[in-house]
Amino acid sequence: MTQLQMPFTPDGALDPTLGEHAKQAGMAQAEAATDPDWAATCDEAIEEMARRGQPFQASDLVRAGLVGEPDDHHRWGARFGLAARRGVIEHHHADKSGRATSRRSLLNTWIGTDTYRQQAARAEAGEGRAA
């Protein structure tokens, strides 16, 4: 009987710390190559969806007419990662993509954090009184 051989795994390939470093490097590279106007519009779109308090994916931002598609689909990850680090959104669950072109791949679905929604509501109420 032959023993099943496992494929070769390079040193560190399963190290979560190295994986996180690679992720951060990739997001920094995507950020550096992103059109600043698109990035600002995308950030505003994420904040708008976060205020609504409903789960959403990148395709929902486009479908709602809040932002257009980026020149490269890798641009989305950096924007959502930044919004999560800023406390605007948090991971809600994983779901199949709503995009026909993605072949229903598994994607993160996000939702506005309670703290962000409360701050946004207070800011909006304050602006309403000042008008």
N, C-alpha and C. Protein backbone atom coordinates (compact mmCIF):
# COMPACT_ATOMS: atom_id res chain seq x y z
N MET A 1 0.85 -1.19 0.00
CA MET A 1 0.00 0.00 0.00
C MET A 1 0.89 1.25 0.00
N THR A 2 0.58 2.20 -0.85
CA THR A 2 1.36 3.44 -0.92
C THR A 2 0.82 4.46 0.06
N GLN A 3 1.76 5.19 0.61
CA GLN A 3 1.39 6.24 1.56
C GLN A 3 1.06 7.52 0.79
N LEU A 4 -0.01 8.17 1.17
CA LEU A 4 -0.42 9.41 0.53
C LEU A 4 0.57 10.51 0.90
N GLN A 5 1.11 11.17 -0.10
CA GLN A 5 2.08 12.24 0.12
C GLN A 5 1.35 13.59 0.13
N MET A 6 1.69 14.41 1.07
CA MET A 6 1.12 15.75 1.14
C MET A 6 1.91 16.65 0.20
N PRO A 7 1.26 17.61 -0.45
CA PRO A 7 2.01 18.53 -1.31
C PRO A 7 2.98 19.35 -0.48
N PHE A 8 4.04 19.77 -1.13
CA PHE A 8 5.06 20.58 -0.49
C PHE A 8 4.47 21.90 0.00
N THR A 9 4.78 22.28 1.23
CA THR A 9 4.34 23.55 1.79
C THR A 9 5.58 24.34 2.16
N PRO A 10 5.81 25.52 1.54
CA PRO A 10 6.99 26.32 1.87
C PRO A 10 6.97 26.74 3.34
N ASP A 11 8.16 26.91 3.89
CA ASP A 11 8.26 27.36 5.28
C ASP A 11 7.46 28.64 5.48
N GLY A 12 6.67 28.68 6.53
CA GLY A 12 5.91 29.87 6.87
C GLY A 12 4.59 30.01 6.14
N ALA A 13 4.27 29.12 5.20
CA ALA A 13 3.06 29.27 4.40
C ALA A 13 1.79 29.21 5.24
N LEU A 14 1.87 28.56 6.39
CA LEU A 14 0.70 28.45 7.24
C LEU A 14 0.79 29.34 8.48
N ASP A 15 1.72 30.26 8.48
CA ASP A 15 1.92 31.16 9.62
C ASP A 15 0.94 32.33 9.52
N PRO A 16 0.00 32.44 10.45
CA PRO A 16 -0.99 33.52 10.37
C PRO A 16 -0.36 34.91 10.45
N THR A 17 0.76 35.05 11.13
CA THR A 17 1.42 36.36 11.22
C THR A 17 1.94 36.77 9.86
N LEU A 18 2.58 35.83 9.15
CA LEU A 18 3.07 36.13 7.81
C LEU A 18 1.91 36.40 6.86
N GLY A 19 0.81 35.69 7.03
CA GLY A 19 -0.38 35.92 6.21
C GLY A 19 -0.94 37.32 6.43
N GLU A 20 -0.96 37.76 7.68
CA GLU A 20 -1.45 39.11 7.99
C GLU A 20 -0.53 40.17 7.39
N HIS A 21 0.77 39.95 7.46
CA HIS A 21 1.73 40.89 6.86
C HIS A 21 1.52 40.97 5.34
N ALA A 22 1.31 39.82 4.71
CA ALA A 22 1.08 39.80 3.26
C ALA A 22 -0.21 40.52 2.92
N LYS A 23 -1.25 40.33 3.73
CA LYS A 23 -2.52 41.02 3.51
C LYS A 23 -2.34 42.53 3.62
N GLN A 24 -1.66 42.97 4.66
CA GLN A 24 -1.44 44.41 4.86
C GLN A 24 -0.63 45.01 3.72
N ALA A 25 0.39 44.28 3.27
CA ALA A 25 1.21 44.77 2.15
C ALA A 25 0.37 44.89 0.88
N GLY A 26 -0.47 43.90 0.63
CA GLY A 26 -1.33 43.94 -0.55
C GLY A 26 -2.33 45.07 -0.48
N MET A 27 -2.90 45.32 0.70
CA MET A 27 -3.86 46.41 0.85
C MET A 27 -3.17 47.76 0.68
N ALA A 28 -1.94 47.89 1.18
CA ALA A 28 -1.20 49.14 1.01
C ALA A 28 -0.89 49.38 -0.47
N GLN A 29 -0.55 48.31 -1.17
CA GLN A 29 -0.28 48.42 -2.61
C GLN A 29 -1.55 48.84 -3.36
N ALA A 30 -2.68 48.24 -3.01
CA ALA A 30 -3.95 48.60 -3.65
C ALA A 30 -4.31 50.05 -3.34
N GLU A 31 -4.09 50.45 -2.10
CA GLU A 31 -4.40 51.83 -1.69
C GLU A 31 -3.56 52.83 -2.49
N ALA A 32 -2.29 52.55 -2.65
CA ALA A 32 -1.39 53.46 -3.37
C ALA A 32 -1.79 53.60 -4.84
N ALA A 33 -2.40 52.58 -5.40
CA ALA A 33 -2.78 52.61 -6.82
C ALA A 33 -4.23 53.06 -7.05
N THR A 34 -4.93 53.39 -5.98
CA THR A 34 -6.35 53.75 -6.09
C THR A 34 -6.52 55.23 -6.38
N ASP A 35 -7.42 55.53 -7.31
CA ASP A 35 -7.77 56.91 -7.63
C ASP A 35 -8.34 57.57 -6.36
N PRO A 36 -7.74 58.67 -5.89
CA PRO A 36 -8.19 59.30 -4.65
C PRO A 36 -9.65 59.76 -4.69
N ASP A 37 -10.13 60.19 -5.84
CA ASP A 37 -11.54 60.60 -5.95
C ASP A 37 -12.47 59.41 -5.77
N TRP A 38 -12.12 58.28 -6.41
CA TRP A 38 -12.94 57.09 -6.25
C TRP A 38 -12.91 56.63 -4.80
N ALA A 39 -11.72 56.66 -4.18
CA ALA A 39 -11.59 56.23 -2.78
C ALA A 39 -12.47 57.07 -1.87
N ALA A 40 -12.46 58.39 -2.05
CA ALA A 40 -13.28 59.27 -1.21
C ALA A 40 -14.77 58.99 -1.41
N THR A 41 -15.17 58.81 -2.66
CA THR A 41 -16.58 58.50 -2.94
C THR A 41 -16.96 57.15 -2.35
N CYS A 42 -16.08 56.18 -2.46
CA CYS A 42 -16.33 54.86 -1.90
C CYS A 42 -16.46 54.93 -0.38
N ASP A 43 -15.57 55.67 0.28
CA ASP A 43 -15.64 55.81 1.74
C ASP A 43 -16.97 56.43 2.15
N GLU A 44 -17.42 57.45 1.41
CA GLU A 44 -18.71 58.09 1.71
C GLU A 44 -19.86 57.09 1.51
N ALA A 45 -19.76 56.27 0.46
CA ALA A 45 -20.79 55.26 0.20
C ALA A 45 -20.85 54.23 1.32
N ILE A 46 -19.70 53.78 1.78
CA ILE A 46 -19.67 52.82 2.89
C ILE A 46 -20.29 53.45 4.13
N GLU A 47 -19.96 54.70 4.40
CA GLU A 47 -20.53 55.38 5.57
C GLU A 47 -22.05 55.51 5.44
N GLU A 48 -22.53 55.82 4.24
CA GLU A 48 -23.98 55.93 4.02
C GLU A 48 -24.67 54.60 4.30
N MET A 49 -24.12 53.52 3.76
CA MET A 49 -24.71 52.20 3.99
C MET A 49 -24.60 51.81 5.47
N ALA A 50 -23.52 52.19 6.11
CA ALA A 50 -23.35 51.89 7.54
C ALA A 50 -24.44 52.58 8.36
N ARG A 51 -24.75 53.83 8.00
CA ARG A 51 -25.80 54.57 8.73
C ARG A 51 -27.17 53.92 8.57
N ARG A 52 -27.39 53.26 7.46
CA ARG A 52 -28.68 52.61 7.21
C ARG A 52 -28.91 51.40 8.10
N GLY A 53 -27.84 50.81 8.61
CA GLY A 53 -27.98 49.70 9.55
C GLY A 53 -28.40 48.38 8.93
N GLN A 54 -28.24 48.24 7.62
CA GLN A 54 -28.57 46.99 6.95
C GLN A 54 -27.28 46.32 6.46
N PRO A 55 -27.23 45.00 6.47
CA PRO A 55 -26.04 44.31 5.95
C PRO A 55 -25.83 44.65 4.47
N PHE A 56 -24.58 44.76 4.04
CA PHE A 56 -24.28 45.10 2.65
C PHE A 56 -22.93 44.58 2.21
N GLN A 57 -22.80 44.49 0.88
CA GLN A 57 -21.56 44.13 0.21
C GLN A 57 -21.22 45.25 -0.77
N ALA A 58 -20.06 45.16 -1.37
CA ALA A 58 -19.64 46.18 -2.33
C ALA A 58 -20.65 46.36 -3.46
N SER A 59 -21.20 45.27 -3.95
CA SER A 59 -22.15 45.37 -5.05
C SER A 59 -23.39 46.19 -4.66
N ASP A 60 -23.73 46.20 -3.39
CA ASP A 60 -24.88 46.99 -2.94
C ASP A 60 -24.60 48.48 -3.06
N LEU A 61 -23.33 48.88 -2.88
CA LEU A 61 -22.97 50.29 -3.03
C LEU A 61 -23.16 50.74 -4.47
N VAL A 62 -22.77 49.87 -5.40
CA VAL A 62 -22.91 50.17 -6.82
C VAL A 62 -24.39 50.17 -7.21
N ARG A 63 -25.11 49.14 -6.77
CA ARG A 63 -26.54 49.01 -7.09
C ARG A 63 -27.33 50.21 -6.59
N ALA A 64 -26.94 50.77 -5.44
CA ALA A 64 -27.63 51.94 -4.88
C ALA A 64 -27.21 53.24 -5.55
N GLY A 65 -26.25 53.17 -6.45
CA GLY A 65 -25.79 54.37 -7.16
C GLY A 65 -24.91 55.28 -6.32
N LEU A 66 -24.32 54.72 -5.26
CA LEU A 66 -23.50 55.52 -4.36
C LEU A 66 -22.06 55.66 -4.84
N VAL A 67 -21.58 54.68 -5.62
CA VAL A 67 -20.21 54.68 -6.14
C VAL A 67 -20.17 53.77 -7.36
N GLY A 68 -19.29 54.09 -8.28
CA GLY A 68 -19.11 53.24 -9.45
C GLY A 68 -18.10 52.15 -9.16
N GLU A 69 -17.98 51.25 -10.11
CA GLU A 69 -17.00 50.18 -9.98
C GLU A 69 -15.59 50.77 -10.06
N PRO A 70 -14.65 50.24 -9.30
CA PRO A 70 -13.25 50.68 -9.41
C PRO A 70 -12.62 50.11 -10.68
N ASP A 71 -11.45 50.60 -11.01
CA ASP A 71 -10.73 50.09 -12.18
C ASP A 71 -10.23 48.66 -11.96
N ASP A 72 -10.14 48.24 -10.72
CA ASP A 72 -9.70 46.89 -10.37
C ASP A 72 -10.47 46.46 -9.14
N HIS A 73 -11.07 45.28 -9.17
CA HIS A 73 -11.91 44.83 -8.05
C HIS A 73 -11.14 44.67 -6.74
N HIS A 74 -9.81 44.63 -6.79
CA HIS A 74 -9.02 44.53 -5.57
C HIS A 74 -9.08 45.81 -4.73
N ARG A 75 -9.55 46.90 -5.31
CA ARG A 75 -9.63 48.18 -4.59
C ARG A 75 -10.64 48.13 -3.45
N TRP A 76 -11.65 47.29 -3.58
CA TRP A 76 -12.70 47.24 -2.56
C TRP A 76 -12.14 46.85 -1.18
N GLY A 77 -11.28 45.86 -1.13
CA GLY A 77 -10.80 45.33 0.16
C GLY A 77 -10.14 46.39 1.02
N ALA A 78 -9.33 47.24 0.41
CA ALA A 78 -8.66 48.29 1.18
C ALA A 78 -9.67 49.27 1.76
N ARG A 79 -10.71 49.61 0.99
CA ARG A 79 -11.71 50.57 1.47
C ARG A 79 -12.51 49.99 2.63
N PHE A 80 -12.93 48.73 2.48
CA PHE A 80 -13.70 48.09 3.56
C PHE A 80 -12.82 47.86 4.79
N GLY A 81 -11.56 47.49 4.57
CA GLY A 81 -10.64 47.30 5.70
C GLY A 81 -10.42 48.58 6.47
N LEU A 82 -10.25 49.69 5.75
CA LEU A 82 -10.07 50.98 6.41
C LEU A 82 -11.32 51.36 7.20
N ALA A 83 -12.48 51.17 6.61
CA ALA A 83 -13.73 51.51 7.31
C ALA A 83 -13.90 50.66 8.57
N ALA A 84 -13.51 49.40 8.50
CA ALA A 84 -13.59 48.53 9.68
C ALA A 84 -12.63 49.00 10.76
N ARG A 85 -11.39 49.35 10.37
CA ARG A 85 -10.41 49.82 11.36
C ARG A 85 -10.85 51.15 11.98
N ARG A 86 -11.58 51.97 11.24
CA ARG A 86 -12.08 53.25 11.76
C ARG A 86 -13.32 53.07 12.63
N GLY A 87 -13.86 51.85 12.70
CA GLY A 87 -15.03 51.59 13.53
C GLY A 87 -16.35 51.94 12.86
N VAL A 88 -16.33 52.15 11.54
CA VAL A 88 -17.55 52.48 10.81
C VAL A 88 -18.39 51.22 10.57
N ILE A 89 -17.74 50.13 10.20
CA ILE A 89 -18.42 48.87 9.89
C ILE A 89 -17.76 47.73 10.64
N GLU A 90 -18.49 46.63 10.69
CA GLU A 90 -17.95 45.39 11.25
C GLU A 90 -18.45 44.23 10.40
N HIS A 91 -17.70 43.14 10.47
CA HIS A 91 -18.10 41.95 9.72
C HIS A 91 -19.44 41.47 10.27
N HIS A 92 -20.38 41.20 9.36
CA HIS A 92 -21.69 40.71 9.76
C HIS A 92 -21.78 39.20 9.53
N HIS A 93 -21.47 38.76 8.33
CA HIS A 93 -21.41 37.34 8.01
C HIS A 93 -20.81 37.17 6.62
N ALA A 94 -20.55 35.95 6.26
CA ALA A 94 -20.10 35.64 4.90
C ALA A 94 -21.31 35.17 4.11
N ASP A 95 -21.38 35.60 2.87
CA ASP A 95 -22.51 35.25 2.02
C ASP A 95 -22.03 35.16 0.59
N LYS A 96 -22.83 34.59 -0.26
CA LYS A 96 -22.48 34.53 -1.67
C LYS A 96 -22.65 35.90 -2.30
N SER A 97 -21.76 36.22 -3.19
CA SER A 97 -21.77 37.50 -3.87
C SER A 97 -23.05 37.68 -4.68
N GLY A 98 -23.51 38.93 -4.73
CA GLY A 98 -24.66 39.26 -5.54
C GLY A 98 -24.30 39.57 -6.98
N ARG A 99 -23.02 39.57 -7.31
CA ARG A 99 -22.57 39.88 -8.67
C ARG A 99 -22.60 38.64 -9.55
N ALA A 100 -23.17 38.79 -10.73
CA ALA A 100 -23.18 37.67 -11.67
C ALA A 100 -21.77 37.31 -12.10
N THR A 101 -20.89 38.30 -12.21
CA THR A 101 -19.54 38.07 -12.69
C THR A 101 -18.65 37.34 -11.68
N SER A 102 -19.07 37.27 -10.44
CA SER A 102 -18.23 36.63 -9.41
C SER A 102 -18.52 35.15 -9.25
N ARG A 103 -19.48 34.66 -10.01
CA ARG A 103 -19.86 33.24 -9.94
C ARG A 103 -20.29 32.85 -8.54
N ARG A 104 -20.92 33.81 -7.84
CA ARG A 104 -21.49 33.56 -6.50
C ARG A 104 -20.43 33.15 -5.48
N SER A 105 -19.21 33.69 -5.62
CA SER A 105 -18.15 33.39 -4.66
C SER A 105 -18.53 33.93 -3.29
N LEU A 106 -17.90 33.40 -2.27
CA LEU A 106 -18.17 33.79 -0.90
C LEU A 106 -17.50 35.12 -0.59
N LEU A 107 -18.26 36.07 -0.06
CA LEU A 107 -17.76 37.40 0.28
C LEU A 107 -18.18 37.80 1.68
N ASN A 108 -17.44 38.75 2.24
CA ASN A 108 -17.85 39.32 3.53
C ASN A 108 -19.05 40.23 3.31
N THR A 109 -19.95 40.18 4.25
CA THR A 109 -21.07 41.11 4.30
C THR A 109 -20.85 41.94 5.55
N TRP A 110 -21.05 43.25 5.43
CA TRP A 110 -20.73 44.20 6.48
C TRP A 110 -21.98 44.87 7.00
N ILE A 111 -21.87 45.49 8.15
CA ILE A 111 -22.95 46.27 8.73
C ILE A 111 -22.32 47.41 9.53
N GLY A 112 -23.01 48.53 9.59
CA GLY A 112 -22.52 49.64 10.40
C GLY A 112 -22.46 49.27 11.87
N THR A 113 -21.43 49.71 12.56
CA THR A 113 -21.34 49.42 13.99
C THR A 113 -22.38 50.24 14.74
N ASP A 114 -22.80 49.74 15.87
CA ASP A 114 -23.76 50.49 16.70
C ASP A 114 -23.19 51.86 17.06
N THR A 115 -21.91 51.89 17.43
CA THR A 115 -21.28 53.15 17.82
C THR A 115 -21.30 54.15 16.68
N TYR A 116 -20.95 53.72 15.48
CA TYR A 116 -20.93 54.64 14.35
C TYR A 116 -22.34 55.14 14.04
N ARG A 117 -23.31 54.25 14.04
CA ARG A 117 -24.69 54.67 13.74
C ARG A 117 -25.20 55.66 14.78
N GLN A 118 -24.87 55.44 16.04
CA GLN A 118 -25.30 56.37 17.09
C GLN A 118 -24.62 57.73 16.93
N GLN A 119 -23.32 57.73 16.65
CA GLN A 119 -22.60 58.99 16.43
C GLN A 119 -23.16 59.74 15.22
N ALA A 120 -23.44 59.02 14.15
CA ALA A 120 -23.98 59.64 12.94
C ALA A 120 -25.36 60.23 13.21
N ALA A 121 -26.18 59.52 13.98
CA ALA A 121 -27.52 60.01 14.30
C ALA A 121 -27.44 61.27 15.15
N ARG A 122 -26.51 61.27 16.12
CA ARG A 122 -26.34 62.48 16.96
C ARG A 122 -25.85 63.66 16.12
N ALA A 123 -24.91 63.40 15.22
CA ALA A 123 -24.38 64.48 14.36
C ALA A 123 -25.49 65.01 13.47
N GLU A 124 -26.31 64.13 12.91
CA GLU A 124 -27.40 64.56 12.05
C GLU A 124 -28.43 65.37 12.83
N ALA A 125 -28.74 64.95 14.05
CA ALA A 125 -29.70 65.68 14.88
C ALA A 125 -29.14 67.06 15.23
N GLY A 126 -27.84 67.13 15.50
CA GLY A 126 -27.20 68.40 15.81
C GLY A 126 -27.22 69.34 14.61
N GLU A 127 -26.99 68.80 13.43
CA GLU A 127 -27.04 69.61 12.21
C GLU A 127 -28.45 70.11 11.95
N GLY A 128 -29.44 69.29 12.25
CA GLY A 128 -30.83 69.68 12.04
C GLY A 128 -31.24 70.84 12.94
N ARG A 129 -30.73 70.87 14.16
CA ARG A 129 -31.07 71.96 15.10
C ARG A 129 -30.35 73.25 14.70
N ALA A 130 -29.16 73.11 14.10
CA ALA A 130 -28.39 74.30 13.76
C ALA A 130 -28.95 75.01 12.52
N ALA A 131 -29.72 74.31 11.72
CA ALA A 131 -30.23 74.90 10.47
C ALA A 131 -31.34 75.88 10.69
